[in-house]
PDB file of all heavy atoms in Angstrom:
ATOM      1  N   ALA A   1    -105.078  40.669 136.468  1.00  0.00           N
ATOM      2  CA  ALA A   1    -106.004  41.494 135.718  1.00  0.00           C
ATOM      3  C   ALA A   1    -107.283  41.651 136.525  1.00  0.00           C
ATOM      4  O   ALA A   1    -107.689  40.737 137.249  1.00  0.00           O
ATOM      5  CB  ALA A   1    -106.311  40.855 134.371  1.00  0.00           C
ATOM      6  N   ASP A   2    -107.921  42.809 136.405  1.00  0.00           N
ATOM      7  CA  ASP A   2    -109.149  43.055 137.153  1.00  0.00           C
ATOM      8  C   ASP A   2    -110.219  42.005 136.862  1.00  0.00           C
ATOM      9  O   ASP A   2    -111.009  41.653 137.736  1.00  0.00           O
ATOM     10  CB  ASP A   2    -109.699  44.443 136.830  1.00  0.00           C
ATOM     11  CG  ASP A   2    -108.862  45.560 137.421  1.00  0.00           C
ATOM     12  OD1 ASP A   2    -108.086  45.296 138.364  1.00  0.00           O
ATOM     13  OD2 ASP A   2    -108.982  46.702 136.944  1.00  0.00           O
ATOM     14  N   SER A   3    -110.227  41.502 135.654  1.00  0.00           N
ATOM     15  CA  SER A   3    -111.246  40.553 135.243  1.00  0.00           C
ATOM     16  C   SER A   3    -111.166  39.208 135.956  1.00  0.00           C
ATOM     17  O   SER A   3    -112.137  38.452 135.965  1.00  0.00           O
ATOM     18  CB  SER A   3    -111.181  40.334 133.728  1.00  0.00           C
ATOM     19  OG  SER A   3    -109.912  39.838 133.345  1.00  0.00           O
ATOM     20  N   VAL A   4    -110.009  38.900 136.554  1.00  0.00           N
ATOM     21  CA  VAL A   4    -109.842  37.598 137.198  1.00  0.00           C
ATOM     22  C   VAL A   4    -109.558  37.690 138.688  1.00  0.00           C
ATOM     23  O   VAL A   4    -109.489  36.653 139.366  1.00  0.00           O
ATOM     24  CB  VAL A   4    -108.727  36.770 136.522  1.00  0.00           C
ATOM     25  CG1 VAL A   4    -108.978  36.659 135.024  1.00  0.00           C
ATOM     26  CG2 VAL A   4    -107.349  37.374 136.787  1.00  0.00           C
ATOM     27  N   LYS A   5    -109.414  38.892 139.220  1.00  0.00           N
ATOM     28  CA  LYS A   5    -109.136  39.058 140.648  1.00  0.00           C
ATOM     29  C   LYS A   5    -110.214  38.403 141.492  1.00  0.00           C
ATOM     30  O   LYS A   5    -111.405  38.556 141.239  1.00  0.00           O
ATOM     31  CB  LYS A   5    -109.033  40.540 141.008  1.00  0.00           C
ATOM     32  CG  LYS A   5    -107.740  41.196 140.579  1.00  0.00           C
ATOM     33  CD  LYS A   5    -107.699  42.660 140.999  1.00  0.00           C
ATOM     34  CE  LYS A   5    -106.395  43.312 140.583  1.00  0.00           C
ATOM     35  NZ  LYS A   5    -106.364  44.760 140.923  1.00  0.00           N
ATOM     36  N   GLY A   6    -109.780  37.667 142.493  1.00  0.00           N
ATOM     37  CA  GLY A   6    -110.701  36.982 143.379  1.00  0.00           C
ATOM     38  C   GLY A   6    -111.125  35.627 142.888  1.00  0.00           C
ATOM     39  O   GLY A   6    -111.738  34.858 143.632  1.00  0.00           O
ATOM     40  N   ARG A   7    -110.813  35.312 141.626  1.00  0.00           N
ATOM     41  CA  ARG A   7    -111.200  34.028 141.059  1.00  0.00           C
ATOM     42  C   ARG A   7    -109.991  33.165 140.691  1.00  0.00           C
ATOM     43  O   ARG A   7    -110.048  31.944 140.827  1.00  0.00           O
ATOM     44  CB  ARG A   7    -112.064  34.221 139.819  1.00  0.00           C
ATOM     45  CG  ARG A   7    -113.365  34.973 140.091  1.00  0.00           C
ATOM     46  CD  ARG A   7    -114.275  34.944 138.875  1.00  0.00           C
ATOM     47  NE  ARG A   7    -113.661  35.608 137.728  1.00  0.00           N
ATOM     48  CZ  ARG A   7    -113.424  35.009 136.556  1.00  0.00           C
ATOM     49  NH1 ARG A   7    -113.744  33.728 136.375  1.00  0.00           N
ATOM     50  NH2 ARG A   7    -112.874  35.686 135.552  1.00  0.00           N
ATOM     51  N   PHE A   8    -108.932  33.801 140.205  1.00  0.00           N
ATOM     52  CA  PHE A   8    -107.736  33.079 139.768  1.00  0.00           C
ATOM     53  C   PHE A   8    -106.602  33.285 140.766  1.00  0.00           C
ATOM     54  O   PHE A   8    -106.478  34.348 141.382  1.00  0.00           O
ATOM     55  CB  PHE A   8    -107.264  33.573 138.396  1.00  0.00           C
ATOM     56  CG  PHE A   8    -108.169  33.227 137.244  1.00  0.00           C
ATOM     57  CD1 PHE A   8    -109.432  32.705 137.437  1.00  0.00           C
ATOM     58  CD2 PHE A   8    -107.726  33.438 135.947  1.00  0.00           C
ATOM     59  CE1 PHE A   8    -110.257  32.396 136.371  1.00  0.00           C
ATOM     60  CE2 PHE A   8    -108.538  33.137 134.868  1.00  0.00           C
ATOM     61  CZ  PHE A   8    -109.803  32.615 135.076  1.00  0.00           C
ATOM     62  N   THR A   9    -105.745  32.284 140.892  1.00  0.00           N
ATOM     63  CA  THR A   9    -104.574  32.376 141.748  1.00  0.00           C
ATOM     64  C   THR A   9    -103.360  31.827 141.013  1.00  0.00           C
ATOM     65  O   THR A   9    -103.384  30.684 140.547  1.00  0.00           O
ATOM     66  CB  THR A   9    -104.760  31.599 143.057  1.00  0.00           C
ATOM     67  OG1 THR A   9    -105.909  32.081 143.756  1.00  0.00           O
ATOM     68  CG2 THR A   9    -103.533  31.770 143.952  1.00  0.00           C
ATOM     69  N   ILE A  10    -102.318  32.637 140.914  1.00  0.00           N
ATOM     70  CA  ILE A  10    -101.079  32.190 140.297  1.00  0.00           C
ATOM     71  C   ILE A  10    -100.114  31.749 141.396  1.00  0.00           C
ATOM     72  O   ILE A  10    -100.066  32.341 142.473  1.00  0.00           O
ATOM     73  CB  ILE A  10    -100.450  33.295 139.423  1.00  0.00           C
ATOM     74  CG1 ILE A  10     -99.252  32.753 138.632  1.00  0.00           C
ATOM     75  CG2 ILE A  10    -100.051  34.507 140.258  1.00  0.00           C
ATOM     76  CD1 ILE A  10     -98.712  33.731 137.585  1.00  0.00           C
ATOM     77  N   SER A  11     -99.360  30.702 141.138  1.00  0.00           N
ATOM     78  CA  SER A  11     -98.379  30.212 142.094  1.00  0.00           C
ATOM     79  C   SER A  11     -97.231  29.568 141.335  1.00  0.00           C
ATOM     80  O   SER A  11     -97.328  29.329 140.128  1.00  0.00           O
ATOM     81  CB  SER A  11     -99.009  29.220 143.077  1.00  0.00           C
ATOM     82  OG  SER A  11     -99.515  28.082 142.393  1.00  0.00           O
ATOM     83  N   ARG A  12     -96.144  29.304 142.034  1.00  0.00           N
ATOM     84  CA  ARG A  12     -95.014  28.637 141.392  1.00  0.00           C
ATOM     85  C   ARG A  12     -94.287  27.762 142.388  1.00  0.00           C
ATOM     86  O   ARG A  12     -94.309  28.003 143.595  1.00  0.00           O
ATOM     87  CB  ARG A  12     -94.060  29.660 140.755  1.00  0.00           C
ATOM     88  CG  ARG A  12     -93.314  30.547 141.736  1.00  0.00           C
ATOM     89  CD  ARG A  12     -92.597  31.695 141.013  1.00  0.00           C
ATOM     90  NE  ARG A  12     -91.565  31.227 140.101  1.00  0.00           N
ATOM     91  CZ  ARG A  12     -90.928  31.995 139.222  1.00  0.00           C
ATOM     92  NH1 ARG A  12     -91.232  33.289 139.123  1.00  0.00           N
ATOM     93  NH2 ARG A  12     -89.994  31.479 138.433  1.00  0.00           N
ATOM     94  N   ASP A  13     -93.626  26.751 141.869  1.00  0.00           N
ATOM     95  CA  ASP A  13     -92.812  25.842 142.653  1.00  0.00           C
ATOM     96  C   ASP A  13     -91.470  25.765 141.939  1.00  0.00           C
ATOM     97  O   ASP A  13     -91.314  25.015 140.981  1.00  0.00           O
ATOM     98  CB  ASP A  13     -93.472  24.472 142.757  1.00  0.00           C
ATOM     99  CG  ASP A  13     -92.711  23.528 143.666  1.00  0.00           C
ATOM    100  OD1 ASP A  13     -91.522  23.755 143.928  1.00  0.00           O
ATOM    101  OD2 ASP A  13     -93.323  22.545 144.124  1.00  0.00           O
ATOM    102  N   ASN A  14     -90.519  26.557 142.403  1.00  0.00           N
ATOM    103  CA  ASN A  14     -89.232  26.643 141.724  1.00  0.00           C
ATOM    104  C   ASN A  14     -88.452  25.327 141.766  1.00  0.00           C
ATOM    105  O   ASN A  14     -87.696  25.028 140.845  1.00  0.00           O
ATOM    106  CB  ASN A  14     -88.388  27.765 142.330  1.00  0.00           C
ATOM    107  CG  ASN A  14     -88.964  29.135 142.055  1.00  0.00           C
ATOM    108  OD1 ASN A  14     -89.717  29.325 141.093  1.00  0.00           O
ATOM    109  ND2 ASN A  14     -88.634  30.103 142.898  1.00  0.00           N
ATOM    110  N   ALA A  15     -88.622  24.565 142.832  1.00  0.00           N
ATOM    111  CA  ALA A  15     -87.936  23.282 142.940  1.00  0.00           C
ATOM    112  C   ALA A  15     -88.365  22.328 141.839  1.00  0.00           C
ATOM    113  O   ALA A  15     -87.602  21.454 141.432  1.00  0.00           O
ATOM    114  CB  ALA A  15     -88.185  22.661 144.309  1.00  0.00           C
ATOM    115  N   LYS A  16     -89.599  22.491 141.367  1.00  0.00           N
ATOM    116  CA  LYS A  16     -90.127  21.648 140.303  1.00  0.00           C
ATOM    117  C   LYS A  16     -90.163  22.350 138.951  1.00  0.00           C
ATOM    118  O   LYS A  16     -90.614  21.762 137.968  1.00  0.00           O
ATOM    119  CB  LYS A  16     -91.538  21.177 140.658  1.00  0.00           C
ATOM    120  CG  LYS A  16     -91.609  20.299 141.890  1.00  0.00           C
ATOM    121  CD  LYS A  16     -93.038  19.856 142.158  1.00  0.00           C
ATOM    122  CE  LYS A  16     -93.115  18.942 143.356  1.00  0.00           C
ATOM    123  NZ  LYS A  16     -94.507  18.509 143.633  1.00  0.00           N
ATOM    124  N   ASN A  17     -89.702  23.595 138.918  1.00  0.00           N
ATOM    125  CA  ASN A  17     -89.748  24.396 137.690  1.00  0.00           C
ATOM    126  C   ASN A  17     -91.163  24.455 137.119  1.00  0.00           C
ATOM    127  O   ASN A  17     -91.380  24.253 135.922  1.00  0.00           O
ATOM    128  CB  ASN A  17     -88.777  23.846 136.643  1.00  0.00           C
ATOM    129  CG  ASN A  17     -87.324  24.027 137.029  1.00  0.00           C
ATOM    130  OD1 ASN A  17     -86.977  24.934 137.784  1.00  0.00           O
ATOM    131  ND2 ASN A  17     -86.465  23.171 136.507  1.00  0.00           N
ATOM    132  N   MET A  18     -92.115  24.740 137.994  1.00  0.00           N
ATOM    133  CA  MET A  18     -93.516  24.753 137.602  1.00  0.00           C
ATOM    134  C   MET A  18     -94.184  26.071 137.993  1.00  0.00           C
ATOM    135  O   MET A  18     -93.874  26.662 139.034  1.00  0.00           O
ATOM    136  CB  MET A  18     -94.276  23.602 138.254  1.00  0.00           C
ATOM    137  CG  MET A  18     -93.798  22.222 137.839  1.00  0.00           C
ATOM    138  SD  MET A  18     -94.222  21.842 136.121  1.00  0.00           S
ATOM    139  CE  MET A  18     -96.003  21.658 136.252  1.00  0.00           C
ATOM    140  N   VAL A  19     -95.099  26.508 137.165  1.00  0.00           N
ATOM    141  CA  VAL A  19     -95.970  27.645 137.438  1.00  0.00           C
ATOM    142  C   VAL A  19     -97.397  27.175 137.249  1.00  0.00           C
ATOM    143  O   VAL A  19     -97.685  26.409 136.322  1.00  0.00           O
ATOM    144  CB  VAL A  19     -95.675  28.835 136.513  1.00  0.00           C
ATOM    145  CG1 VAL A  19     -96.553  30.026 136.874  1.00  0.00           C
ATOM    146  CG2 VAL A  19     -94.207  29.226 136.589  1.00  0.00           C
ATOM    147  N   TYR A  20     -98.287  27.636 138.116  1.00  0.00           N
ATOM    148  CA  TYR A  20     -99.668  27.182 138.077  1.00  0.00           C
ATOM    149  C   TYR A  20    -100.634  28.356 137.998  1.00  0.00           C
ATOM    150  O   TYR A  20    -100.336  29.466 138.428  1.00  0.00           O
ATOM    151  CB  TYR A  20    -100.006  26.359 139.320  1.00  0.00           C
ATOM    152  CG  TYR A  20     -99.064  25.215 139.577  1.00  0.00           C
ATOM    153  CD1 TYR A  20     -98.022  25.341 140.487  1.00  0.00           C
ATOM    154  CD2 TYR A  20     -99.215  24.008 138.907  1.00  0.00           C
ATOM    155  CE1 TYR A  20     -97.155  24.295 140.728  1.00  0.00           C
ATOM    156  CE2 TYR A  20     -98.348  22.950 139.137  1.00  0.00           C
ATOM    157  CZ  TYR A  20     -97.321  23.096 140.043  1.00  0.00           C
ATOM    158  OH  TYR A  20     -96.464  22.052 140.275  1.00  0.00           O
ATOM    159  N   LEU A  21    -101.800  28.079 137.465  1.00  0.00           N
ATOM    160  CA  LEU A  21    -102.885  29.043 137.485  1.00  0.00           C
ATOM    161  C   LEU A  21    -104.146  28.307 137.905  1.00  0.00           C
ATOM    162  O   LEU A  21    -104.693  27.521 137.135  1.00  0.00           O
ATOM    163  CB  LEU A  21    -103.089  29.704 136.122  1.00  0.00           C
ATOM    164  CG  LEU A  21    -104.147  30.810 136.079  1.00  0.00           C
ATOM    165  CD1 LEU A  21    -103.668  32.024 136.884  1.00  0.00           C
ATOM    166  CD2 LEU A  21    -104.463  31.216 134.649  1.00  0.00           C
ATOM    167  N   GLN A  22    -104.565  28.532 139.141  1.00  0.00           N
ATOM    168  CA  GLN A  22    -105.792  27.950 139.646  1.00  0.00           C
ATOM    169  C   GLN A  22    -106.940  28.863 139.261  1.00  0.00           C
ATOM    170  O   GLN A  22    -106.955  30.033 139.627  1.00  0.00           O
ATOM    171  CB  GLN A  22    -105.734  27.788 141.164  1.00  0.00           C
ATOM    172  CG  GLN A  22    -107.007  27.230 141.789  1.00  0.00           C
ATOM    173  CD  GLN A  22    -107.292  25.805 141.362  1.00  0.00           C
ATOM    174  OE1 GLN A  22    -106.392  24.972 141.366  1.00  0.00           O
ATOM    175  NE2 GLN A  22    -108.529  25.519 140.985  1.00  0.00           N
ATOM    176  N   MET A  23    -107.906  28.338 138.532  1.00  0.00           N
ATOM    177  CA  MET A  23    -109.023  29.123 138.037  1.00  0.00           C
ATOM    178  C   MET A  23    -110.309  28.601 138.660  1.00  0.00           C
ATOM    179  O   MET A  23    -110.690  27.451 138.440  1.00  0.00           O
ATOM    180  CB  MET A  23    -109.100  29.056 136.516  1.00  0.00           C
ATOM    181  CG  MET A  23    -107.806  29.477 135.820  1.00  0.00           C
ATOM    182  SD  MET A  23    -107.957  29.504 134.011  1.00  0.00           S
ATOM    183  CE  MET A  23    -108.193  27.747 133.702  1.00  0.00           C
ATOM    184  N   ASN A  24    -110.962  29.440 139.434  1.00  0.00           N
ATOM    185  CA  ASN A  24    -112.226  29.093 140.075  1.00  0.00           C
ATOM    186  C   ASN A  24    -113.342  29.990 139.562  1.00  0.00           C
ATOM    187  O   ASN A  24    -113.096  31.037 138.977  1.00  0.00           O
ATOM    188  CB  ASN A  24    -112.113  29.238 141.594  1.00  0.00           C
ATOM    189  CG  ASN A  24    -111.081  28.326 142.206  1.00  0.00           C
ATOM    190  OD1 ASN A  24    -110.869  27.202 141.746  1.00  0.00           O
ATOM    191  ND2 ASN A  24    -110.428  28.799 143.271  1.00  0.00           N
ATOM    192  N   SER A  25    -114.568  29.576 139.805  1.00  0.00           N
ATOM    193  CA  SER A  25    -115.745  30.340 139.385  1.00  0.00           C
ATOM    194  C   SER A  25    -115.643  30.758 137.930  1.00  0.00           C
ATOM    195  O   SER A  25    -115.866  31.915 137.570  1.00  0.00           O
ATOM    196  CB  SER A  25    -115.924  31.572 140.283  1.00  0.00           C
ATOM    197  OG  SER A  25    -116.062  31.201 141.639  1.00  0.00           O
ATOM    198  N   LEU A  26    -115.314  29.818 137.089  1.00  0.00           N
ATOM    199  CA  LEU A  26    -115.081  30.112 135.680  1.00  0.00           C
ATOM    200  C   LEU A  26    -116.348  30.595 134.982  1.00  0.00           C
ATOM    201  O   LEU A  26    -117.455  30.150 135.285  1.00  0.00           O
ATOM    202  CB  LEU A  26    -114.529  28.889 134.970  1.00  0.00           C
ATOM    203  CG  LEU A  26    -113.042  28.620 135.246  1.00  0.00           C
ATOM    204  CD1 LEU A  26    -112.673  27.199 134.868  1.00  0.00           C
ATOM    205  CD2 LEU A  26    -112.182  29.624 134.477  1.00  0.00           C
ATOM    206  N   LYS A  27    -116.147  31.511 134.053  1.00  0.00           N
ATOM    207  CA  LYS A  27    -117.216  32.109 133.273  1.00  0.00           C
ATOM    208  C   LYS A  27    -116.986  31.833 131.796  1.00  0.00           C
ATOM    209  O   LYS A  27    -115.848  31.631 131.374  1.00  0.00           O
ATOM    210  CB  LYS A  27    -117.261  33.626 133.499  1.00  0.00           C
ATOM    211  CG  LYS A  27    -117.370  34.056 134.944  1.00  0.00           C
ATOM    212  CD  LYS A  27    -117.250  35.571 135.062  1.00  0.00           C
ATOM    213  CE  LYS A  27    -117.330  36.020 136.502  1.00  0.00           C
ATOM    214  NZ  LYS A  27    -117.204  37.499 136.621  1.00  0.00           N
ATOM    215  N   PRO A  28    -118.041  31.851 130.991  1.00  0.00           N
ATOM    216  CA  PRO A  28    -117.855  31.648 129.552  1.00  0.00           C
ATOM    217  C   PRO A  28    -116.852  32.623 128.941  1.00  0.00           C
ATOM    218  O   PRO A  28    -116.131  32.250 128.010  1.00  0.00           O
ATOM    219  CB  PRO A  28    -119.259  31.871 128.986  1.00  0.00           C
ATOM    220  CG  PRO A  28    -120.161  31.437 130.090  1.00  0.00           C
ATOM    221  CD  PRO A  28    -119.473  31.912 131.349  1.00  0.00           C
ATOM    222  N   GLU A  29    -116.789  33.844 129.455  1.00  0.00           N
ATOM    223  CA  GLU A  29    -115.847  34.824 128.936  1.00  0.00           C
ATOM    224  C   GLU A  29    -114.392  34.514 129.268  1.00  0.00           C
ATOM    225  O   GLU A  29    -113.484  35.187 128.780  1.00  0.00           O
ATOM    226  CB  GLU A  29    -116.204  36.244 129.413  1.00  0.00           C
ATOM    227  CG  GLU A  29    -116.465  36.343 130.900  1.00  0.00           C
ATOM    228  CD  GLU A  29    -117.942  36.289 131.236  1.00  0.00           C
ATOM    229  OE1 GLU A  29    -118.640  35.385 130.735  1.00  0.00           O
ATOM    230  OE2 GLU A  29    -118.410  37.154 132.006  1.00  0.00           O
ATOM    231  N   ASP A  30    -114.150  33.494 130.093  1.00  0.00           N
ATOM    232  CA  ASP A  30    -112.794  33.034 130.355  1.00  0.00           C
ATOM    233  C   ASP A  30    -112.287  32.104 129.254  1.00  0.00           C
ATOM    234  O   ASP A  30    -111.111  31.731 129.255  1.00  0.00           O
ATOM    235  CB  ASP A  30    -112.716  32.305 131.695  1.00  0.00           C
ATOM    236  CG  ASP A  30    -112.973  33.227 132.878  1.00  0.00           C
ATOM    237  OD1 ASP A  30    -112.473  34.369 132.872  1.00  0.00           O
ATOM    238  OD2 ASP A  30    -113.672  32.795 133.818  1.00  0.00           O
ATOM    239  N   THR A  31    -113.165  31.720 128.351  1.00  0.00           N
ATOM    240  CA  THR A  31    -112.776  30.841 127.258  1.00  0.00           C
ATOM    241  C   THR A  31    -111.688  31.492 126.416  1.00  0.00           C
ATOM    242  O   THR A  31    -111.851  32.609 125.926  1.00  0.00           O
ATOM    243  CB  THR A  31    -113.988  30.510 126.378  1.00  0.00           C
ATOM    244  OG1 THR A  31    -114.939  29.762 127.142  1.00  0.00           O
ATOM    245  CG2 THR A  31    -113.572  29.694 125.160  1.00  0.00           C
ATOM    246  N   ALA A  32    -110.578  30.793 126.262  1.00  0.00           N
ATOM    247  CA  ALA A  32    -109.439  31.341 125.536  1.00  0.00           C
ATOM    248  C   ALA A  32    -108.331  30.300 125.481  1.00  0.00           C
ATOM    249  O   ALA A  32    -108.387  29.270 126.158  1.00  0.00           O
ATOM    250  CB  ALA A  32    -108.912  32.602 126.226  1.00  0.00           C
ATOM    251  N   VAL A  33    -107.334  30.588 124.672  1.00  0.00           N
ATOM    252  CA  VAL A  33    -106.090  29.845 124.732  1.00  0.00           C
ATOM    253  C   VAL A  33    -105.214  30.532 125.767  1.00  0.00           C
ATOM    254  O   VAL A  33    -104.989  31.740 125.688  1.00  0.00           O
ATOM    255  CB  VAL A  33    -105.372  29.805 123.372  1.00  0.00           C
ATOM    256  CG1 VAL A  33    -104.020  29.101 123.502  1.00  0.00           C
ATOM    257  CG2 VAL A  33    -106.234  29.096 122.336  1.00  0.00           C
ATOM    258  N   TYR A  34    -104.731  29.789 126.736  1.00  0.00           N
ATOM    259  CA  TYR A  34    -103.928  30.335 127.815  1.00  0.00           C
ATOM    260  C   TYR A  34    -102.460  30.033 127.582  1.00  0.00           C
ATOM    261  O   TYR A  34    -102.089  28.891 127.294  1.00  0.00           O
ATOM    262  CB  TYR A  34    -104.379  29.765 129.162  1.00  0.00           C
ATOM    263  CG  TYR A  34    -105.648  30.392 129.666  1.00  0.00           C
ATOM    264  CD1 TYR A  34    -106.864  30.132 129.049  1.00  0.00           C
ATOM    265  CD2 TYR A  34    -105.633  31.268 130.756  1.00  0.00           C
ATOM    266  CE1 TYR A  34    -108.030  30.729 129.494  1.00  0.00           C
ATOM    267  CE2 TYR A  34    -106.797  31.860 131.204  1.00  0.00           C
ATOM    268  CZ  TYR A  34    -107.990  31.592 130.574  1.00  0.00           C
ATOM    269  OH  TYR A  34    -109.146  32.186 131.031  1.00  0.00           O
ATOM    270  N   TYR A  35    -101.632  31.070 127.721  1.00  0.00           N
ATOM    271  CA  TYR A  35    -100.209  30.960 127.468  1.00  0.00           C
ATOM    272  C   TYR A  35     -99.402  31.260 128.721  1.00  0.00           C
ATOM    273  O   TYR A  35     -99.678  32.227 129.431  1.00  0.00           O
ATOM    274  CB  TYR A  35     -99.775  31.948 126.380  1.00  0.00           C
ATOM    275  CG  TYR A  35    -100.405  31.717 125.037  1.00  0.00           C
ATOM    276  CD1 TYR A  35    -101.596  32.340 124.690  1.00  0.00           C
ATOM    277  CD2 TYR A  35     -99.800  30.883 124.103  1.00  0.00           C
ATOM    278  CE1 TYR A  35    -102.181  32.144 123.452  1.00  0.00           C
ATOM    279  CE2 TYR A  35    -100.369  30.680 122.858  1.00  0.00           C
ATOM    280  CZ  TYR A  35    -101.558  31.312 122.539  1.00  0.00           C
ATOM    281  OH  TYR A  35    -102.124  31.115 121.306  1.00  0.00           O
ATOM    282  N   CYS A  36     -98.404  30.464 128.959  1.00  0.00           N
ATOM    283  CA  CYS A  36     -97.413  30.720 129.990  1.00  0.00           C
ATOM    284  C   CYS A  36     -96.286  31.525 129.363  1.00  0.00           C
ATOM    285  O   CYS A  36     -95.920  31.286 128.200  1.00  0.00           O
ATOM    286  CB  CYS A  36     -96.888  29.395 130.541  1.00  0.00           C
ATOM    287  SG  CYS A  36     -95.622  29.522 131.809  1.00  0.00           S
ATOM    288  N   ALA A  37     -95.730  32.492 130.094  1.00  0.00           N
ATOM    289  CA  ALA A  37     -94.711  33.362 129.533  1.00  0.00           C
ATOM    290  C   ALA A  37     -93.646  33.724 130.554  1.00  0.00           C
ATOM    291  O   ALA A  37     -93.932  33.891 131.738  1.00  0.00           O
ATOM    292  CB  ALA A  37     -95.349  34.646 128.996  1.00  0.00           C
ATOM    293  N   GLY A  38     -92.415  33.862 130.075  1.00  0.00           N
ATOM    294  CA  GLY A  38     -91.292  34.269 130.906  1.00  0.00           C
ATOM    295  C   GLY A  38     -90.966  35.732 130.707  1.00  0.00           C
ATOM    296  O   GLY A  38     -90.787  36.181 129.577  1.00  0.00           O
ATOM    297  N   TYR A  39     -90.861  36.467 131.797  1.00  0.00           N
ATOM    298  CA  TYR A  39     -90.654  37.915 131.772  1.00  0.00           C
ATOM    299  C   TYR A  39     -89.206  38.282 131.481  1.00  0.00           C
ATOM    300  O   TYR A  39     -88.270  37.641 131.971  1.00  0.00           O
ATOM    301  CB  TYR A  39     -91.073  38.487 133.122  1.00  0.00           C
ATOM    302  CG  TYR A  39     -90.875  39.976 133.301  1.00  0.00           C
ATOM    303  CD1 TYR A  39     -91.847  40.871 132.884  1.00  0.00           C
ATOM    304  CD2 TYR A  39     -89.730  40.470 133.905  1.00  0.00           C
ATOM    305  CE1 TYR A  39     -91.686  42.232 133.059  1.00  0.00           C
ATOM    306  CE2 TYR A  39     -89.561  41.830 134.080  1.00  0.00           C
ATOM    307  CZ  TYR A  39     -90.536  42.707 133.659  1.00  0.00           C
ATOM    308  OH  TYR A  39     -90.367  44.060 133.847  1.00  0.00           O
ATOM    309  N   MET A  40     -89.040  39.365 130.705  1.00  0.00           N
ATOM    310  CA  MET A  40     -87.712  39.903 130.421  1.00  0.00           C
ATOM    311  C   MET A  40     -87.537  41.287 131.037  1.00  0.00           C
ATOM    312  O   MET A  40     -86.680  41.495 131.891  1.00  0.00           O
ATOM    313  CB  MET A  40     -87.452  39.957 128.921  1.00  0.00           C
ATOM    314  CG  MET A  40     -86.080  40.506 128.545  1.00  0.00           C
ATOM    315  SD  MET A  40     -85.731  40.397 126.767  1.00  0.00           S
ATOM    316  CE  MET A  40     -86.972  41.529 126.120  1.00  0.00           C
TER     317      MET A  40
END
């Protein structure tokens, strides 16, 4: 999303069945419940 470009990085490790979201330079407007989702 444009709102997080340059600040957030998504990555995954399939061997560990893990997905990550590295969030840097956090702002108050980033406050939220964050959900992981599988695409169909």
